[in-house]
Each structure stands twice: as structure tokens, then as C-alpha cells.
Amino acid sequence: MSFSKFSDEEITQRGKELYDSQIRSQVEIPQNIGKIASINIETGEYEIGDDLLITSRRLREKQADALIWTERIGFNAVFALSGTLVRRDV
């Protein structure tokens, strides 16, 4: 079992920074709204798809110990447990 050199807070911060500064402008297009973007926070590589497990597996095929942050493109959260997802302005 490997342990991350990053804390949960650092993973969150790095994932959000990568998405906002490098990835969002490339992926937030009409045909991707609502899809999953999984991001390797160490390399900046990302995968887009309809399923979080599949996008994460694609990244782990490239790097088995990848630290992955996930966003739902165009929304404020990946999943809603007892509320609703809020659409962000693009």
C-alpha cells in the first residue's frame, strides 16, 4: 500500500487549481457539460467521460499510483447526495 505525499487539502487545492487554470477552458464546451473530468494532480493529464471509474482507470493505466481529482464539467459538484447539482456559468 502506498501513501500520498500530499494531504487531502493539498490534493483538493492542486486539483481545483489545475482545473481552473489549465483544463476548464479546454473542456467546458456544450458537448462535455455534465461529463466527468478526472485529473492526475501530479502530471496534469486528464480524461473525460461519462463514468468516474472509467476515467480514473484510464489515468491509472498510465500511472498506477496517480493521485486523481475529479470535477463534473460545468457543475459545482461531482455528485449530489441530498440536494441538487448547481450549474456554473460557462
PDB file of N, CA and C in Angstrom:
ATOM      1  N   MET A   1       0.849  -1.184   0.000  1.00  0.00           N
ATOM      2  CA  MET A   1       0.000   0.000   0.000  1.00  0.00           C
ATOM      3  C   MET A   1       0.889   1.239   0.000  1.00  0.00           C
ATOM      4  N   SER A   2       0.646   2.149  -0.912  1.00  0.00           N
ATOM      5  CA  SER A   2       1.427   3.378  -0.953  1.00  0.00           C
ATOM      6  C   SER A   2       0.636   4.517  -0.326  1.00  0.00           C
ATOM      7  N   PHE A   3       1.377   5.458   0.211  1.00  0.00           N
ATOM      8  CA  PHE A   3       0.752   6.608   0.841  1.00  0.00           C
ATOM      9  C   PHE A   3       1.136   7.865   0.082  1.00  0.00           C
ATOM     10  N   SER A   4       0.204   8.775  -0.015  1.00  0.00           N
ATOM     11  CA  SER A   4       0.410  10.007  -0.756  1.00  0.00           C
ATOM     12  C   SER A   4       1.322  10.953   0.008  1.00  0.00           C
ATOM     13  N   LYS A   5       2.146  11.661  -0.736  1.00  0.00           N
ATOM     14  CA  LYS A   5       2.958  12.707  -0.120  1.00  0.00           C
ATOM     15  C   LYS A   5       2.160  13.998   0.030  1.00  0.00           C
ATOM     16  N   PHE A   6       0.911  13.978  -0.448  1.00  0.00           N
ATOM     17  CA  PHE A   6       0.035  15.140  -0.366  1.00  0.00           C
ATOM     18  C   PHE A   6      -1.071  14.890   0.649  1.00  0.00           C
ATOM     19  N   SER A   7      -1.456  15.926   1.365  1.00  0.00           N
ATOM     20  CA  SER A   7      -2.614  15.824   2.260  1.00  0.00           C
ATOM     21  C   SER A   7      -3.884  15.924   1.419  1.00  0.00           C
ATOM     22  N   ASP A   8      -5.013  15.575   2.018  1.00  0.00           N
ATOM     23  CA  ASP A   8      -6.296  15.710   1.309  1.00  0.00           C
ATOM     24  C   ASP A   8      -6.511  17.147   0.845  1.00  0.00           C
ATOM     25  N   GLU A   9      -6.143  18.100   1.704  1.00  0.00           N
ATOM     26  CA  GLU A   9      -6.323  19.514   1.362  1.00  0.00           C
ATOM     27  C   GLU A   9      -5.446  19.910   0.176  1.00  0.00           C
ATOM     28  N   GLU A  10      -4.215  19.385   0.143  1.00  0.00           N
ATOM     29  CA  GLU A  10      -3.315  19.695  -0.967  1.00  0.00           C
ATOM     30  C   GLU A  10      -3.809  19.083  -2.278  1.00  0.00           C
ATOM     31  N   ILE A  11      -4.353  17.886  -2.202  1.00  0.00           N
ATOM     32  CA  ILE A  11      -4.913  17.248  -3.403  1.00  0.00           C
ATOM     33  C   ILE A  11      -6.073  18.079  -3.931  1.00  0.00           C
ATOM     34  N   THR A  12      -6.953  18.499  -3.027  1.00  0.00           N
ATOM     35  CA  THR A  12      -8.096  19.330  -3.416  1.00  0.00           C
ATOM     36  C   THR A  12      -7.631  20.634  -4.041  1.00  0.00           C
ATOM     37  N   GLN A  13      -6.696  21.310  -3.375  1.00  0.00           N
ATOM     38  CA  GLN A  13      -6.204  22.593  -3.871  1.00  0.00           C
ATOM     39  C   GLN A  13      -5.550  22.442  -5.241  1.00  0.00           C
ATOM     40  N   ARG A  14      -4.693  21.452  -5.379  1.00  0.00           N
ATOM     41  CA  ARG A  14      -3.994  21.238  -6.653  1.00  0.00           C
ATOM     42  C   ARG A  14      -4.973  20.873  -7.770  1.00  0.00           C
ATOM     43  N   GLY A  15      -5.937  20.001  -7.466  1.00  0.00           N
ATOM     44  CA  GLY A  15      -6.926  19.613  -8.464  1.00  0.00           C
ATOM     45  C   GLY A  15      -7.744  20.792  -8.951  1.00  0.00           C
ATOM     46  N   LYS A  16      -8.211  21.607  -8.006  1.00  0.00           N
ATOM     47  CA  LYS A  16      -9.001  22.788  -8.385  1.00  0.00           C
ATOM     48  C   LYS A  16      -8.168  23.784  -9.174  1.00  0.00           C
ATOM     49  N   GLU A  17      -6.917  23.991  -8.746  1.00  0.00           N
ATOM     50  CA  GLU A  17      -6.044  24.924  -9.464  1.00  0.00           C
ATOM     51  C   GLU A  17      -5.798  24.467 -10.900  1.00  0.00           C
ATOM     52  N   LEU A  18      -5.501  23.179 -11.073  1.00  0.00           N
ATOM     53  CA  LEU A  18      -5.279  22.658 -12.424  1.00  0.00           C
ATOM     54  C   LEU A  18      -6.526  22.811 -13.286  1.00  0.00           C
ATOM     55  N   TYR A  19      -7.675  22.453 -12.723  1.00  0.00           N
ATOM     56  CA  TYR A  19      -8.912  22.544 -13.497  1.00  0.00           C
ATOM     57  C   TYR A  19      -9.186  23.990 -13.900  1.00  0.00           C
ATOM     58  N   ASP A  20      -9.098  24.902 -12.943  1.00  0.00           N
ATOM     59  CA  ASP A  20      -9.432  26.299 -13.217  1.00  0.00           C
ATOM     60  C   ASP A  20      -8.429  26.984 -14.139  1.00  0.00           C
ATOM     61  N   SER A  21      -7.138  26.703 -13.972  1.00  0.00           N
ATOM     62  CA  SER A  21      -6.128  27.447 -14.725  1.00  0.00           C
ATOM     63  C   SER A  21      -5.754  26.823 -16.070  1.00  0.00           C
ATOM     64  N   GLN A  22      -5.879  25.491 -16.209  1.00  0.00           N
ATOM     65  CA  GLN A  22      -5.387  24.860 -17.427  1.00  0.00           C
ATOM     66  C   GLN A  22      -6.421  24.040 -18.193  1.00  0.00           C
ATOM     67  N   ILE A  23      -7.394  23.483 -17.493  1.00  0.00           N
ATOM     68  CA  ILE A  23      -8.266  22.495 -18.127  1.00  0.00           C
ATOM     69  C   ILE A  23      -9.642  23.049 -18.476  1.00  0.00           C
ATOM     70  N   ARG A  24     -10.219  23.846 -17.593  1.00  0.00           N
ATOM     71  CA  ARG A  24     -11.597  24.333 -17.780  1.00  0.00           C
ATOM     72  C   ARG A  24     -11.824  24.937 -19.159  1.00  0.00           C
ATOM     73  N   SER A  25     -10.950  25.811 -19.594  1.00  0.00           N
ATOM     74  CA  SER A  25     -11.167  26.496 -20.877  1.00  0.00           C
ATOM     75  C   SER A  25     -11.148  25.530 -22.065  1.00  0.00           C
ATOM     76  N   GLN A  26     -10.512  24.384 -21.911  1.00  0.00           N
ATOM     77  CA  GLN A  26     -10.448  23.398 -22.988  1.00  0.00           C
ATOM     78  C   GLN A  26     -11.650  22.460 -23.005  1.00  0.00           C
ATOM     79  N   VAL A  27     -12.241  22.202 -21.824  1.00  0.00           N
ATOM     80  CA  VAL A  27     -13.271  21.155 -21.749  1.00  0.00           C
ATOM     81  C   VAL A  27     -14.697  21.657 -21.571  1.00  0.00           C
ATOM     82  N   GLU A  28     -14.875  22.876 -21.084  1.00  0.00           N
ATOM     83  CA  GLU A  28     -16.242  23.359 -20.849  1.00  0.00           C
ATOM     84  C   GLU A  28     -16.854  23.861 -22.144  1.00  0.00           C
ATOM     85  N   ILE A  29     -17.218  22.896 -22.967  1.00  0.00           N
ATOM     86  CA  ILE A  29     -17.906  23.154 -24.227  1.00  0.00           C
ATOM     87  C   ILE A  29     -19.228  22.393 -24.165  1.00  0.00           C
ATOM     88  N   PRO A  30     -20.224  22.810 -24.934  1.00  0.00           N
ATOM     89  CA  PRO A  30     -21.566  22.227 -24.788  1.00  0.00           C
ATOM     90  C   PRO A  30     -21.619  20.701 -24.766  1.00  0.00           C
ATOM     91  N   GLN A  31     -20.871  20.019 -25.623  1.00  0.00           N
ATOM     92  CA  GLN A  31     -20.969  18.556 -25.660  1.00  0.00           C
ATOM     93  C   GLN A  31     -20.346  17.872 -24.442  1.00  0.00           C
ATOM     94  N   ASN A  32     -19.563  18.589 -23.629  1.00  0.00           N
ATOM     95  CA  ASN A  32     -18.955  17.994 -22.435  1.00  0.00           C
ATOM     96  C   ASN A  32     -19.683  18.323 -21.137  1.00  0.00           C
ATOM     97  N   ILE A  33     -20.632  19.252 -21.153  1.00  0.00           N
ATOM     98  CA  ILE A  33     -21.308  19.655 -19.921  1.00  0.00           C
ATOM     99  C   ILE A  33     -21.963  18.438 -19.274  1.00  0.00           C
ATOM    100  N   GLY A  34     -21.664  18.244 -17.999  1.00  0.00           N
ATOM    101  CA  GLY A  34     -22.205  17.115 -17.248  1.00  0.00           C
ATOM    102  C   GLY A  34     -21.313  15.890 -17.234  1.00  0.00           C
ATOM    103  N   LYS A  35     -20.283  15.870 -18.071  1.00  0.00           N
ATOM    104  CA  LYS A  35     -19.358  14.733 -18.081  1.00  0.00           C
ATOM    105  C   LYS A  35     -18.347  14.872 -16.940  1.00  0.00           C
ATOM    106  N   ILE A  36     -17.614  13.810 -16.708  1.00  0.00           N
ATOM    107  CA  ILE A  36     -16.604  13.753 -15.658  1.00  0.00           C
ATOM    108  C   ILE A  36     -15.239  14.092 -16.244  1.00  0.00           C
ATOM    109  N   ALA A  37     -14.473  14.916 -15.535  1.00  0.00           N
ATOM    110  CA  ALA A  37     -13.073  15.167 -15.865  1.00  0.00           C
ATOM    111  C   ALA A  37     -12.246  14.687 -14.683  1.00  0.00           C
ATOM    112  N   SER A  38     -11.477  13.625 -14.882  1.00  0.00           N
ATOM    113  CA  SER A  38     -10.569  13.116 -13.853  1.00  0.00           C
ATOM    114  C   SER A  38      -9.171  13.612 -14.187  1.00  0.00           C
ATOM    115  N   ILE A  39      -8.482  14.152 -13.170  1.00  0.00           N
ATOM    116  CA  ILE A  39      -7.204  14.828 -13.376  1.00  0.00           C
ATOM    117  C   ILE A  39      -6.128  14.189 -12.509  1.00  0.00           C
ATOM    118  N   ASN A  40      -5.000  13.849 -13.107  1.00  0.00           N
ATOM    119  CA  ASN A  40      -3.831  13.412 -12.355  1.00  0.00           C
ATOM    120  C   ASN A  40      -3.170  14.683 -11.836  1.00  0.00           C
ATOM    121  N   ILE A  41      -3.187  14.892 -10.526  1.00  0.00           N
ATOM    122  CA  ILE A  41      -2.719  16.171  -9.989  1.00  0.00           C
ATOM    123  C   ILE A  41      -1.210  16.339 -10.062  1.00  0.00           C
ATOM    124  N   GLU A  42      -0.477  15.259 -10.311  1.00  0.00           N
ATOM    125  CA  GLU A  42       0.976  15.369 -10.410  1.00  0.00           C
ATOM    126  C   GLU A  42       1.434  15.682 -11.831  1.00  0.00           C
ATOM    127  N   THR A  43       0.733  15.169 -12.827  1.00  0.00           N
ATOM    128  CA  THR A  43       1.153  15.372 -14.218  1.00  0.00           C
ATOM    129  C   THR A  43       0.292  16.379 -14.974  1.00  0.00           C
ATOM    130  N   GLY A  44      -0.927  16.622 -14.490  1.00  0.00           N
ATOM    131  CA  GLY A  44      -1.851  17.497 -15.197  1.00  0.00           C
ATOM    132  C   GLY A  44      -2.616  16.794 -16.306  1.00  0.00           C
ATOM    133  N   GLU A  45      -2.319  15.511 -16.551  1.00  0.00           N
ATOM    134  CA  GLU A  45      -3.082  14.758 -17.552  1.00  0.00           C
ATOM    135  C   GLU A  45      -4.515  14.595 -17.070  1.00  0.00           C
ATOM    136  N   TYR A  46      -5.448  14.530 -18.016  1.00  0.00           N
ATOM    137  CA  TYR A  46      -6.844  14.339 -17.631  1.00  0.00           C
ATOM    138  C   TYR A  46      -7.552  13.468 -18.649  1.00  0.00           C
ATOM    139  N   GLU A  47      -8.648  12.895 -18.188  1.00  0.00           N
ATOM    140  CA  GLU A  47      -9.515  12.066 -19.030  1.00  0.00           C
ATOM    141  C   GLU A  47     -10.945  12.552 -18.851  1.00  0.00           C
ATOM    142  N   ILE A  48     -11.716  12.552 -19.934  1.00  0.00           N
ATOM    143  CA  ILE A  48     -13.115  12.964 -19.903  1.00  0.00           C
ATOM    144  C   ILE A  48     -13.984  11.781 -20.288  1.00  0.00           C
ATOM    145  N   GLY A  49     -15.102  11.629 -19.587  1.00  0.00           N
ATOM    146  CA  GLY A  49     -16.037  10.565 -19.926  1.00  0.00           C
ATOM    147  C   GLY A  49     -17.301  10.667 -19.103  1.00  0.00           C
ATOM    148  N   ASP A  50     -18.169   9.686 -19.275  1.00  0.00           N
ATOM    149  CA  ASP A  50     -19.438   9.675 -18.555  1.00  0.00           C
ATOM    150  C   ASP A  50     -19.344   8.982 -17.200  1.00  0.00           C
ATOM    151  N   ASP A  51     -18.267   8.240 -16.961  1.00  0.00           N
ATOM    152  CA  ASP A  51     -18.160   7.407 -15.769  1.00  0.00           C
ATOM    153  C   ASP A  51     -16.855   7.693 -15.028  1.00  0.00           C
ATOM    154  N   LEU A  52     -16.959   8.031 -13.747  1.00  0.00           N
ATOM    155  CA  LEU A  52     -15.803   8.366 -12.927  1.00  0.00           C
ATOM    156  C   LEU A  52     -14.813   7.205 -12.839  1.00  0.00           C
ATOM    157  N   LEU A  53     -15.301   5.997 -12.690  1.00  0.00           N
ATOM    158  CA  LEU A  53     -14.405   4.843 -12.576  1.00  0.00           C
ATOM    159  C   LEU A  53     -13.613   4.618 -13.856  1.00  0.00           C
ATOM    160  N   ILE A  54     -14.259   4.796 -14.980  1.00  0.00           N
ATOM    161  CA  ILE A  54     -13.574   4.585 -16.262  1.00  0.00           C
ATOM    162  C   ILE A  54     -12.516   5.656 -16.497  1.00  0.00           C
ATOM    163  N   THR A  55     -12.843   6.917 -16.230  1.00  0.00           N
ATOM    164  CA  THR A  55     -11.853   7.981 -16.437  1.00  0.00           C
ATOM    165  C   THR A  55     -10.677   7.813 -15.479  1.00  0.00           C
ATOM    166  N   SER A  56     -10.947   7.402 -14.253  1.00  0.00           N
ATOM    167  CA  SER A  56      -9.869   7.174 -13.285  1.00  0.00           C
ATOM    168  C   SER A  56      -9.002   5.990 -13.702  1.00  0.00           C
ATOM    169  N   ARG A  57      -9.618   4.928 -14.181  1.00  0.00           N
ATOM    170  CA  ARG A  57      -8.850   3.754 -14.644  1.00  0.00           C
ATOM    171  C   ARG A  57      -7.937   4.110 -15.809  1.00  0.00           C
ATOM    172  N   ARG A  58      -8.433   4.943 -16.704  1.00  0.00           N
ATOM    173  CA  ARG A  58      -7.597   5.352 -17.843  1.00  0.00           C
ATOM    174  C   ARG A  58      -6.328   6.053 -17.362  1.00  0.00           C
ATOM    175  N   LEU A  59      -6.484   6.925 -16.350  1.00  0.00           N
ATOM    176  CA  LEU A  59      -5.314   7.610 -15.803  1.00  0.00           C
ATOM    177  C   LEU A  59      -4.395   6.636 -15.080  1.00  0.00           C
ATOM    178  N   ARG A  60      -4.967   5.687 -14.368  1.00  0.00           N
ATOM    179  CA  ARG A  60      -4.149   4.714 -13.621  1.00  0.00           C
ATOM    180  C   ARG A  60      -3.462   3.712 -14.546  1.00  0.00           C
ATOM    181  N   GLU A  61      -3.967   3.531 -15.743  1.00  0.00           N
ATOM    182  CA  GLU A  61      -3.262   2.692 -16.721  1.00  0.00           C
ATOM    183  C   GLU A  61      -1.945   3.348 -17.130  1.00  0.00           C
ATOM    184  N   LYS A  62      -1.921   4.671 -17.118  1.00  0.00           N
ATOM    185  CA  LYS A  62      -0.709   5.416 -17.467  1.00  0.00           C
ATOM    186  C   LYS A  62       0.236   5.535 -16.277  1.00  0.00           C
ATOM    187  N   GLN A  63      -0.329   5.679 -15.073  1.00  0.00           N
ATOM    188  CA  GLN A  63       0.459   5.815 -13.843  1.00  0.00           C
ATOM    189  C   GLN A  63      -0.336   5.161 -12.719  1.00  0.00           C
ATOM    190  N   ALA A  64       0.109   3.994 -12.294  1.00  0.00           N
ATOM    191  CA  ALA A  64      -0.655   3.176 -11.337  1.00  0.00           C
ATOM    192  C   ALA A  64      -0.941   3.883 -10.017  1.00  0.00           C
ATOM    193  N   ASP A  65      -0.044   4.742  -9.576  1.00  0.00           N
ATOM    194  CA  ASP A  65      -0.239   5.412  -8.285  1.00  0.00           C
ATOM    195  C   ASP A  65      -0.696   6.865  -8.446  1.00  0.00           C
ATOM    196  N   ALA A  66      -1.352   7.159  -9.558  1.00  0.00           N
ATOM    197  CA  ALA A  66      -1.810   8.525  -9.834  1.00  0.00           C
ATOM    198  C   ALA A  66      -2.723   9.040  -8.723  1.00  0.00           C
ATOM    199  N   LEU A  67      -2.507  10.292  -8.347  1.00  0.00           N
ATOM    200  CA  LEU A  67      -3.403  10.981  -7.419  1.00  0.00           C
ATOM    201  C   LEU A  67      -4.421  11.720  -8.273  1.00  0.00           C
ATOM    202  N   ILE A  68      -5.687  11.367  -8.111  1.00  0.00           N
ATOM    203  CA  ILE A  68      -6.719  11.838  -9.038  1.00  0.00           C
ATOM    204  C   ILE A  68      -7.720  12.748  -8.344  1.00  0.00           C
ATOM    205  N   TRP A  69      -7.970  13.881  -8.979  1.00  0.00           N
ATOM    206  CA  TRP A  69      -9.023  14.816  -8.580  1.00  0.00           C
ATOM    207  C   TRP A  69     -10.072  14.775  -9.682  1.00  0.00           C
ATOM    208  N   THR A  70     -11.345  14.850  -9.304  1.00  0.00           N
ATOM    209  CA  THR A  70     -12.418  14.751 -10.290  1.00  0.00           C
ATOM    210  C   THR A  70     -13.351  15.948 -10.210  1.00  0.00           C
ATOM    211  N   GLU A  71     -13.786  16.422 -11.355  1.00  0.00           N
ATOM    212  CA  GLU A  71     -14.770  17.501 -11.487  1.00  0.00           C
ATOM    213  C   GLU A  71     -15.886  17.018 -12.404  1.00  0.00           C
ATOM    214  N   ARG A  72     -17.106  17.520 -12.185  1.00  0.00           N
ATOM    215  CA  ARG A  72     -18.176  17.334 -13.168  1.00  0.00           C
ATOM    216  C   ARG A  72     -18.187  18.615 -13.986  1.00  0.00           C
ATOM    217  N   ILE A  73     -17.941  18.497 -15.263  1.00  0.00           N
ATOM    218  CA  ILE A  73     -17.764  19.657 -16.127  1.00  0.00           C
ATOM    219  C   ILE A  73     -19.033  20.510 -16.136  1.00  0.00           C
ATOM    220  N   GLY A  74     -18.834  21.790 -15.780  1.00  0.00           N
ATOM    221  CA  GLY A  74     -19.931  22.747 -15.795  1.00  0.00           C
ATOM    222  C   GLY A  74     -20.780  22.784 -14.539  1.00  0.00           C
ATOM    223  N   PHE A  75     -20.442  21.978 -13.528  1.00  0.00           N
ATOM    224  CA  PHE A  75     -21.245  21.923 -12.306  1.00  0.00           C
ATOM    225  C   PHE A  75     -20.384  22.161 -11.074  1.00  0.00           C
ATOM    226  N   ASN A  76     -21.055  22.412  -9.954  1.00  0.00           N
ATOM    227  CA  ASN A  76     -20.357  22.733  -8.716  1.00  0.00           C
ATOM    228  C   ASN A  76     -19.926  21.517  -7.912  1.00  0.00           C
ATOM    229  N   ALA A  77     -20.358  20.331  -8.281  1.00  0.00           N
ATOM    230  CA  ALA A  77     -20.002  19.111  -7.556  1.00  0.00           C
ATOM    231  C   ALA A  77     -20.066  17.924  -8.510  1.00  0.00           C
ATOM    232  N   VAL A  78     -19.403  16.840  -8.127  1.00  0.00           N
ATOM    233  CA  VAL A  78     -19.430  15.632  -8.948  1.00  0.00           C
ATOM    234  C   VAL A  78     -20.752  14.906  -8.771  1.00  0.00           C
ATOM    235  N   PHE A  79     -21.209  14.790  -7.507  1.00  0.00           N
ATOM    236  CA  PHE A  79     -22.466  14.113  -7.183  1.00  0.00           C
ATOM    237  C   PHE A  79     -23.263  14.955  -6.204  1.00  0.00           C
ATOM    238  N   ALA A  80     -24.575  14.777  -6.181  1.00  0.00           N
ATOM    239  CA  ALA A  80     -25.443  15.411  -5.183  1.00  0.00           C
ATOM    240  C   ALA A  80     -26.086  14.306  -4.365  1.00  0.00           C
ATOM    241  N   LEU A  81     -25.889  14.340  -3.053  1.00  0.00           N
ATOM    242  CA  LEU A  81     -26.443  13.297  -2.195  1.00  0.00           C
ATOM    243  C   LEU A  81     -27.841  13.634  -1.695  1.00  0.00           C
ATOM    244  N   SER A  82     -28.037  14.852  -1.242  1.00  0.00           N
ATOM    245  CA  SER A  82     -29.374  15.209  -0.750  1.00  0.00           C
ATOM    246  C   SER A  82     -29.741  16.616  -1.187  1.00  0.00           C
ATOM    247  N   GLY A  83     -29.313  16.954  -2.355  1.00  0.00           N
ATOM    248  CA  GLY A  83     -29.604  18.271  -2.901  1.00  0.00           C
ATOM    249  C   GLY A  83     -29.567  18.181  -4.410  1.00  0.00           C
ATOM    250  N   THR A  84     -29.228  19.273  -5.025  1.00  0.00           N
ATOM    251  CA  THR A  84     -29.144  19.280  -6.477  1.00  0.00           C
ATOM    252  C   THR A  84     -27.797  19.832  -6.905  1.00  0.00           C
ATOM    253  N   LEU A  85     -27.349  19.404  -8.048  1.00  0.00           N
ATOM    254  CA  LEU A  85     -26.146  19.968  -8.628  1.00  0.00           C
ATOM    255  C   LEU A  85     -26.493  21.340  -9.179  1.00  0.00           C
ATOM    256  N   VAL A  86     -25.596  22.285  -8.989  1.00  0.00           N
ATOM    257  CA  VAL A  86     -25.815  23.640  -9.470  1.00  0.00           C
ATOM    258  C   VAL A  86     -24.929  23.863 -10.681  1.00  0.00           C
ATOM    259  N   ARG A  87     -25.535  24.304 -11.749  1.00  0.00           N
ATOM    260  CA  ARG A  87     -24.818  24.571 -12.996  1.00  0.00           C
ATOM    261  C   ARG A  87     -24.039  25.860 -12.850  1.00  0.00           C
ATOM    262  N   ARG A  88     -22.736  25.813 -13.167  1.00  0.00           N
ATOM    263  CA  ARG A  88     -21.899  27.006 -13.150  1.00  0.00           C
ATOM    264  C   ARG A  88     -22.071  27.744 -14.461  1.00  0.00           C
ATOM    265  N   ASP A  89     -21.851  29.039 -14.411  1.00  0.00           N
ATOM    266  CA  ASP A  89     -21.831  29.825 -15.647  1.00  0.00           C
ATOM    267  C   ASP A  89     -20.551  29.502 -16.395  1.00  0.00           C
ATOM    268  N   VAL A  90     -20.682  29.278 -17.684  1.00  0.00           N
ATOM    269  CA  VAL A  90     -19.509  28.943 -18.500  1.00  0.00           C
ATOM    270  C   VAL A  90     -18.999  30.187 -19.162  1.00  0.00           C
TER     271      VAL A  90
END
